[in-house]
Protein backbone atom coordinates (compact mmCIF):
# COMPACT_ATOMS: atom_id res chain seq x y z
CA MET A 1 4.39 5.64 5.34
CA VAL A 2 1.69 7.30 3.69
CA LYS A 3 2.01 7.20 0.22
CA SER A 4 2.66 3.60 1.74
CA ILE A 5 -0.70 3.52 2.99
CA SER A 6 -1.58 4.88 0.06
CA LEU A 7 -0.57 2.13 -1.55
CA ILE A 8 -1.50 -0.52 -0.21
CA LEU A 9 -4.91 0.60 0.46
CA PHE A 10 -4.85 0.35 -3.73
CA SER A 11 -3.18 -3.15 -4.95
CA LEU A 12 -5.93 -4.15 -1.80
CA SER A 13 -8.49 -3.65 -3.44
CA LEU A 14 -8.15 -4.03 -7.56
CA ALA A 15 -7.89 -8.00 -4.78
CA LEU A 16 -10.90 -7.14 -3.07
CA GLY A 17 -12.82 -5.99 -7.55
CA GLY A 18 -10.92 -8.99 -8.87
CA GLN A 19 -12.42 -11.57 -6.19
CA PHE A 20 -16.43 -10.60 -6.04
CA LEU A 21 -15.98 -10.46 -10.18
CA LEU A 22 -14.65 -13.39 -10.10
CA LYS A 23 -17.63 -15.07 -7.72
CA PHE A 24 -20.70 -12.88 -9.74
CA GLY A 25 -18.84 -14.00 -13.18
CA MET A 26 -18.93 -18.16 -11.36
CA ASN A 27 -22.42 -17.76 -10.10
CA GLN A 28 -23.25 -16.72 -13.62
CA VAL A 29 -20.99 -19.52 -14.98
CA GLY A 30 -22.74 -21.43 -12.94
CA ARG A 31 -22.01 -24.67 -9.97
CA VAL A 32 -19.08 -26.79 -10.73
CA GLY A 33 -20.19 -29.62 -9.95
CA ALA A 34 -19.12 -33.27 -10.56
CA GLY A 35 -18.12 -35.35 -14.41
CA ASP A 36 -17.01 -36.46 -17.43
CA VAL A 37 -12.98 -34.26 -18.35
CA GLY A 38 -15.64 -33.13 -21.00
CA TYR A 39 -17.56 -31.15 -18.88
CA TYR A 40 -14.52 -29.79 -16.49
CA VAL A 41 -13.16 -28.67 -19.96
CA THR A 42 -17.16 -27.24 -20.87
CA MET A 43 -17.09 -24.98 -17.73
CA LEU A 44 -13.16 -24.13 -17.83
CA LEU A 45 -13.92 -22.59 -21.27
CA LYS A 46 -17.56 -21.02 -19.98
CA ALA A 47 -15.51 -19.22 -17.16
CA PHE A 48 -12.56 -18.42 -18.25
CA PHE A 49 -14.94 -16.41 -21.20
CA HIS A 50 -17.19 -14.71 -18.93
CA PRO A 51 -16.65 -11.60 -18.93
CA TYR A 52 -16.32 -10.26 -15.49
CA ILE A 53 -14.16 -13.63 -14.76
CA ILE A 54 -11.48 -11.64 -17.89
CA ILE A 55 -12.12 -8.76 -15.65
CA GLY A 56 -11.25 -10.42 -12.56
CA LEU A 57 -8.62 -12.06 -13.43
CA SER A 58 -6.96 -8.68 -15.11
CA LEU A 59 -7.32 -7.21 -12.00
CA TYR A 60 -5.41 -9.66 -10.22
CA VAL A 61 -2.30 -9.70 -12.84
CA ILE A 62 -2.63 -5.68 -11.38
CA SER A 63 -3.08 -5.71 -8.11
CA ALA A 64 -0.10 -8.41 -8.28
CA ILE A 65 1.83 -5.60 -10.28
CA SER A 66 1.33 -2.59 -7.00
CA TRP A 67 1.69 -5.43 -4.62
CA LEU A 68 4.90 -5.81 -6.10
CA VAL A 69 6.25 -2.76 -5.19
CA VAL A 70 5.00 -2.33 -2.57
CA LEU A 71 7.43 -5.30 -1.26
CA SER A 72 10.28 -2.69 -2.86
CA ARG A 73 9.27 0.52 -0.40
CA VAL A 74 8.38 -1.37 2.52
CA ASN A 75 8.57 -4.05 4.65
CA LEU A 76 6.43 -7.45 4.06
CA SER A 77 5.84 -8.06 7.85
CA PHE A 78 4.09 -3.85 8.08
CA ALA A 79 2.17 -4.42 4.27
CA TYR A 80 0.61 -8.39 4.08
CA PRO A 81 -1.57 -7.80 7.36
CA PHE A 82 -3.43 -4.97 5.49
CA ALA A 83 -4.52 -7.92 3.67
CA GLY A 84 -6.15 -8.79 6.33
CA LEU A 85 -7.88 -6.11 5.13
CA GLY A 86 -9.36 -8.53 2.53
CA TYR A 87 -11.13 -10.54 4.26
CA ILE A 88 -13.38 -7.48 5.96
CA ALA A 89 -13.60 -6.28 3.07
CA VAL A 90 -15.32 -9.08 1.75
CA MET A 91 -17.69 -9.74 4.59
CA PHE A 92 -19.29 -6.65 4.30
CA ILE A 93 -19.77 -6.69 -0.26
CA SER A 94 -20.27 -10.06 0.26
CA TRP A 95 -23.85 -9.15 2.03
CA ARG A 96 -24.34 -6.18 0.65
CA PHE A 97 -24.20 -7.24 -3.52
CA LEU A 98 -24.74 -11.11 -2.69
CA HIS A 99 -26.75 -11.30 0.05
CA GLU A 100 -24.08 -13.98 1.75
CA PRO A 101 -25.54 -13.61 5.78
CA ILE A 102 -23.09 -12.16 8.21
CA SER A 103 -22.39 -14.43 12.05
CA ALA A 104 -22.68 -12.71 14.89
CA MET A 105 -19.21 -14.89 15.37
CA ARG A 106 -17.45 -13.30 11.90
CA LEU A 107 -18.61 -10.35 12.92
CA THR A 108 -16.71 -10.18 16.23
CA GLY A 109 -13.29 -11.63 13.62
CA ALA A 110 -14.20 -8.65 11.33
CA ILE A 111 -13.66 -6.68 15.07
CA LEU A 112 -10.79 -8.41 16.07
CA ILE A 113 -9.21 -8.49 12.66
CA ALA A 114 -10.03 -5.02 12.11
CA LEU A 115 -7.36 -4.30 15.55
CA GLY A 116 -4.88 -6.50 14.60
CA VAL A 117 -4.47 -4.69 11.29
CA ILE A 118 -4.59 -1.09 13.69
CA PHE A 119 -2.58 -2.15 16.17
CA ILE A 120 0.66 -3.13 13.74
CA SER A 121 0.01 -0.26 11.09
CA ARG A 122 1.11 2.13 14.64
CA SER A 123 4.06 0.26 14.83
């Protein structure tokens, strides 16, 4: 079981890293606003050829492959709740590296998610 949990956390870590790199890359590409078709094509090309976005998408692909391995080994009802840890990790990483605020309500929600994952992992 410890091996399966390690693999779940590995897959989630890859997805988390991918999410962070996608956000970091889009911060550099710029906000996608309203425009004509040419504008959207230009922004999409700019985004998809940005190194952080390419690496972020690659991490997502590797995460998906490792998640398939997880699903071949454990019940979905056991594995999927661990995805909640990603919400918590994203919140703290965004706070630390992207300087996004954490409200008391968000922190309370994170604690509740963590407790839920703990309860499920012990069942």
